Amino acid sequence: MYDILVYKNNADSANISQLSVKRDWMEDTVDAHAYKCFPVTLTNSLGWGISYPEDISFVWDGISDTYSHHVKVLSGHKYCNLGRANGTISFKTGLVFRTNEKTTLLQMPVPNLFTEDYQSFTTLISTSFFQGELPCALKILKANKIITIKANTPISSIIPISLSEMQGSSISYSGQEILKPSEYGEQHLEIVKEKTSKGLWTNFYRDAIDPRGNKLGNHEVKSIKLKVVEK
């Protein structure tokens, strides 16, 4: 478990809250069928989201150089840094994080929240010593289009990780297949195919069982619960 301390630098700081499981595109699938996919729904809530209490609108003229005037902010000026260039826009989060030396904040696009207009940069910040507020920037993907980020829409997610724990990890590839095709494997595929063709879901993976209902193991967690504690 990670213990993270965050300070709000000013009254116009960004909001921070655990990411929601819900996604508009998942709601729009037939009978919200997309929520049956456990790997997706679990990942949706991975991390805290950075959002703002007001709409932010901007437009980029498509020119990528070292001059910042190619991006024009139309609303939400107080949350934006106006000095960015190269077809990007950055925001004043007003959030200063403090962690121990073995914790790094991974900032990345919000999982499974898709947009054709922009994408959050993926960064690693050593928050044990970094003195500034959390940087947050987007690469603008559409030129000459007014882009609006609606109030309370997360623009990036932050996840605490331990790079020292990851350091030196390896994947060993033997080049040999461990599992051979079998009648059981074919049966599994047939059951999955039959159920999905009817709009049903097997829940084999969600429940960690095989097609016969035998227990295969356990998920590390089946839901991610994070907190924001006001002090």
Protein backbone atom coordinates (compact mmCIF):
# COMPACT_ATOMS: atom_id res chain seq x y z
CA MET A 1 0.00 0.00 0.00
CA TYR A 2 1.26 3.47 -0.90
CA ASP A 3 0.96 6.52 1.34
CA ILE A 4 0.92 9.73 -0.67
CA LEU A 5 0.68 13.27 0.63
CA VAL A 6 -0.60 16.03 -1.64
CA TYR A 7 -0.74 19.76 -1.03
CA LYS A 8 -3.02 22.20 -2.83
CA ASN A 9 -0.99 25.22 -3.86
CA ASN A 10 -3.92 27.52 -4.59
CA ALA A 11 -7.69 27.80 -4.70
CA ASP A 12 -7.77 26.99 -8.41
CA SER A 13 -6.09 23.62 -8.06
CA ALA A 14 -7.15 20.63 -10.08
CA ASN A 15 -9.46 18.05 -8.59
CA ILE A 16 -8.18 14.59 -7.73
CA SER A 17 -10.39 11.54 -7.26
CA GLN A 18 -10.32 7.84 -7.97
CA LEU A 19 -11.16 7.05 -11.57
CA SER A 20 -14.68 5.81 -12.22
CA VAL A 21 -15.40 2.39 -13.69
CA LYS A 22 -17.88 4.01 -16.07
CA ARG A 23 -17.07 5.05 -19.65
CA ASP A 24 -19.53 6.61 -22.10
CA TRP A 25 -18.59 4.21 -24.90
CA MET A 26 -19.21 1.25 -22.59
CA GLU A 27 -22.61 2.63 -21.66
CA ASP A 28 -23.45 2.79 -25.37
CA THR A 29 -22.78 -0.91 -26.02
CA VAL A 30 -25.86 -3.15 -26.18
CA ASP A 31 -27.12 -3.66 -22.63
CA ALA A 32 -23.81 -2.08 -21.47
CA HIS A 33 -22.25 -5.40 -22.46
CA ALA A 34 -18.71 -3.99 -22.37
CA TYR A 35 -18.81 -3.96 -18.56
CA LYS A 36 -18.78 -7.76 -18.65
CA CYS A 37 -15.11 -7.61 -19.64
CA PHE A 38 -13.42 -7.85 -16.25
CA PRO A 39 -9.89 -6.86 -17.41
CA VAL A 40 -11.30 -3.61 -18.84
CA THR A 41 -13.60 -2.69 -15.96
CA LEU A 42 -10.92 -3.37 -13.34
CA THR A 43 -8.41 -1.25 -15.25
CA ASN A 44 -10.86 1.65 -15.59
CA SER A 45 -10.50 2.46 -11.89
CA LEU A 46 -6.71 2.13 -11.83
CA GLY A 47 -5.40 5.35 -10.37
CA TRP A 48 -6.58 8.81 -9.43
CA GLY A 49 -7.88 11.14 -12.12
CA ILE A 50 -6.84 14.77 -12.57
CA SER A 51 -9.76 16.98 -13.61
CA TYR A 52 -10.97 20.58 -13.41
CA PRO A 53 -14.22 22.06 -12.06
CA GLU A 54 -14.83 24.13 -15.20
CA ASP A 55 -14.81 23.56 -18.95
CA ILE A 56 -11.49 24.18 -20.72
CA SER A 57 -11.59 24.99 -24.43
CA PHE A 58 -8.74 25.59 -26.85
CA VAL A 59 -7.86 25.44 -30.53
CA TRP A 60 -4.56 24.69 -32.30
CA ASP A 61 -3.80 26.05 -35.76
CA GLY A 62 -1.83 22.96 -36.78
CA ILE A 63 1.62 24.58 -36.77
CA SER A 64 4.17 22.80 -34.57
CA ASP A 65 7.16 24.97 -33.71
CA THR A 66 8.69 26.70 -30.69
CA TYR A 67 6.10 29.50 -30.57
CA SER A 68 3.20 29.22 -28.15
CA HIS A 69 0.70 31.44 -29.99
CA HIS A 70 -0.39 28.56 -32.23
CA VAL A 71 -2.57 27.28 -29.38
CA LYS A 72 -5.35 29.67 -28.34
CA VAL A 73 -7.15 29.09 -25.06
CA LEU A 74 -10.84 30.02 -25.31
CA SER A 75 -12.04 29.21 -21.79
CA GLY A 76 -10.54 27.99 -18.53
CA HIS A 77 -7.55 30.33 -18.86
CA LYS A 78 -6.74 30.23 -15.15
CA TYR A 79 -6.00 26.50 -15.37
CA CYS A 80 -3.71 26.72 -18.40
CA ASN A 81 -0.03 27.45 -18.88
CA LEU A 82 0.18 29.65 -21.96
CA GLY A 83 3.86 29.14 -22.76
CA ARG A 84 3.71 25.67 -24.34
CA ALA A 85 4.58 25.07 -27.98
CA ASN A 86 4.85 22.22 -30.50
CA GLY A 87 1.13 21.56 -30.63
CA THR A 88 0.77 20.92 -26.91
CA ILE A 89 -1.07 22.47 -24.00
CA SER A 90 -0.24 22.21 -20.31
CA PHE A 91 -2.22 22.86 -17.18
CA LYS A 92 -1.67 24.29 -13.72
CA THR A 93 -2.58 21.46 -11.40
CA GLY A 94 -1.72 23.29 -8.20
CA LEU A 95 -1.00 19.86 -6.68
CA VAL A 96 2.32 19.13 -4.99
CA PHE A 97 2.93 15.46 -4.14
CA ARG A 98 5.20 13.98 -1.52
CA THR A 99 6.18 10.30 -1.40
CA ASN A 100 9.10 8.27 -0.12
CA GLU A 101 12.13 7.55 -2.30
CA LYS A 102 10.83 4.17 -3.38
CA THR A 103 7.62 5.58 -4.82
CA THR A 104 7.34 7.24 -8.22
CA LEU A 105 4.18 8.72 -9.71
CA LEU A 106 3.31 7.37 -13.13
CA GLN A 107 1.12 9.83 -15.00
CA MET A 108 -0.57 8.49 -18.11
CA PRO A 109 -3.72 8.71 -20.25
CA VAL A 110 -6.90 7.70 -18.45
CA PRO A 111 -7.39 3.97 -19.07
CA ASN A 112 -9.99 3.21 -21.73
CA LEU A 113 -11.18 6.81 -22.00
CA PHE A 114 -10.75 7.40 -25.71
CA THR A 115 -10.56 10.70 -27.56
CA GLU A 116 -9.43 11.61 -31.06
CA ASP A 117 -8.67 15.20 -30.04
CA TYR A 118 -5.80 14.91 -27.56
CA GLN A 119 -3.74 12.55 -25.46
CA SER A 120 -2.08 13.02 -22.11
CA PHE A 121 1.68 12.58 -22.00
CA THR A 122 2.98 9.61 -20.04
CA THR A 123 5.57 10.69 -17.47
CA LEU A 124 7.39 9.43 -14.39
CA ILE A 125 7.88 11.95 -11.57
CA SER A 126 10.17 11.37 -8.58
CA THR A 127 7.87 12.92 -6.02
CA SER A 128 10.18 12.27 -3.07
CA PHE A 129 12.18 15.39 -3.95
CA PHE A 130 10.44 17.19 -6.84
CA GLN A 131 9.57 20.64 -5.52
CA GLY A 132 7.10 21.84 -8.13
CA GLU A 133 3.45 21.13 -8.70
CA LEU A 134 2.56 18.05 -10.71
CA PRO A 135 3.02 18.86 -14.40
CA CYS A 136 0.22 17.85 -16.74
CA ALA A 137 0.26 18.29 -20.50
CA LEU A 138 -1.59 17.08 -23.58
CA LYS A 139 -0.53 16.50 -27.16
CA ILE A 140 -3.20 18.05 -29.37
CA LEU A 141 -4.17 15.65 -32.13
CA LYS A 142 -6.72 17.69 -34.11
CA ALA A 143 -5.85 21.01 -35.77
CA ASN A 144 -8.28 23.88 -36.40
CA LYS A 145 -10.94 22.37 -34.18
CA ILE A 146 -12.33 23.85 -30.98
CA ILE A 147 -11.63 21.21 -28.35
CA THR A 148 -13.53 21.33 -25.08
CA ILE A 149 -12.68 19.30 -22.03
CA LYS A 150 -15.86 19.21 -20.00
CA ALA A 151 -15.78 20.04 -16.30
CA ASN A 152 -14.86 17.07 -14.09
CA THR A 153 -13.59 15.01 -17.03
CA PRO A 154 -10.28 13.39 -16.05
CA ILE A 155 -7.48 14.32 -18.43
CA SER A 156 -4.83 12.05 -16.96
CA SER A 157 -4.43 9.40 -14.32
CA ILE A 158 -1.72 9.06 -11.68
CA ILE A 159 -0.56 5.73 -10.34
CA PRO A 160 2.08 5.15 -7.64
CA ILE A 161 4.67 2.56 -8.64
CA SER A 162 8.03 1.39 -7.37
CA LEU A 163 10.74 1.59 -10.00
CA SER A 164 13.26 0.07 -7.60
CA GLU A 165 11.05 -3.00 -7.26
CA MET A 166 10.76 -3.18 -11.04
CA GLN A 167 14.47 -2.62 -11.67
CA GLY A 168 16.22 -5.75 -12.90
CA SER A 169 13.02 -7.65 -13.60
CA SER A 170 13.18 -10.05 -16.50
CA ILE A 171 11.01 -12.03 -18.85
CA SER A 172 12.43 -15.42 -19.77
CA TYR A 173 11.33 -16.69 -23.15
CA SER A 174 11.96 -20.37 -23.73
CA GLY A 175 10.60 -20.52 -27.25
CA GLN A 176 8.70 -23.69 -26.37
CA GLU A 177 4.95 -24.00 -26.09
CA ILE A 178 3.86 -25.12 -22.63
CA LEU A 179 0.17 -25.74 -23.34
CA LYS A 180 -0.69 -28.04 -26.21
CA PRO A 181 -4.01 -27.95 -28.08
CA SER A 182 -6.39 -30.45 -26.54
CA GLU A 183 -9.99 -31.49 -26.52
CA TYR A 184 -10.43 -29.49 -23.31
CA GLY A 185 -9.00 -26.38 -24.98
CA GLU A 186 -11.27 -26.79 -27.99
CA GLN A 187 -14.24 -27.30 -25.65
CA HIS A 188 -13.37 -24.07 -23.89
CA LEU A 189 -13.33 -22.16 -27.16
CA GLU A 190 -16.62 -23.68 -28.29
CA ILE A 191 -18.35 -22.71 -25.04
CA VAL A 192 -17.03 -19.16 -25.27
CA LYS A 193 -18.07 -18.91 -28.94
CA GLU A 194 -21.57 -20.21 -28.21
CA LYS A 195 -22.20 -17.88 -25.31
CA THR A 196 -20.80 -14.75 -26.99
CA SER A 197 -22.90 -15.44 -30.10
CA LYS A 198 -25.96 -15.20 -27.83
CA GLY A 199 -24.75 -11.97 -26.23
CA LEU A 200 -23.85 -13.80 -23.03
CA TRP A 201 -20.62 -13.83 -21.04
CA THR A 202 -18.83 -16.84 -19.61
CA ASN A 203 -17.29 -15.13 -16.56
CA PHE A 204 -14.57 -17.82 -16.63
CA TYR A 205 -11.85 -15.25 -16.16
CA ARG A 206 -13.83 -13.05 -13.72
CA ASP A 207 -14.50 -16.06 -11.48
CA ALA A 208 -11.14 -17.75 -12.17
CA ILE A 209 -12.78 -21.04 -13.18
CA ASP A 210 -12.53 -23.44 -16.10
CA PRO A 211 -15.49 -24.42 -18.34
CA ARG A 212 -16.35 -27.22 -15.91
CA GLY A 213 -16.53 -24.77 -12.99
CA ASN A 214 -13.27 -25.90 -11.39
CA LYS A 215 -11.37 -23.21 -9.50
CA LEU A 216 -8.14 -22.20 -11.21
CA GLY A 217 -6.87 -19.59 -8.76
CA ASN A 218 -7.65 -16.15 -7.41
CA HIS A 219 -7.34 -12.59 -8.64
CA GLU A 220 -4.96 -10.43 -6.63
CA VAL A 221 -7.93 -8.05 -6.17
CA LYS A 222 -11.34 -7.92 -7.84
CA SER A 223 -11.86 -4.22 -7.30
CA ILE A 224 -9.48 -1.30 -6.80
CA LYS A 225 -10.32 0.99 -3.88
CA LEU A 226 -8.38 4.21 -3.50
CA LYS A 227 -8.92 7.11 -1.13
CA VAL A 228 -8.68 10.87 -1.05
CA VAL A 229 -8.48 11.99 2.59
CA GLU A 230 -9.03 15.64 3.47
CA LYS A 231 -6.81 16.84 6.31
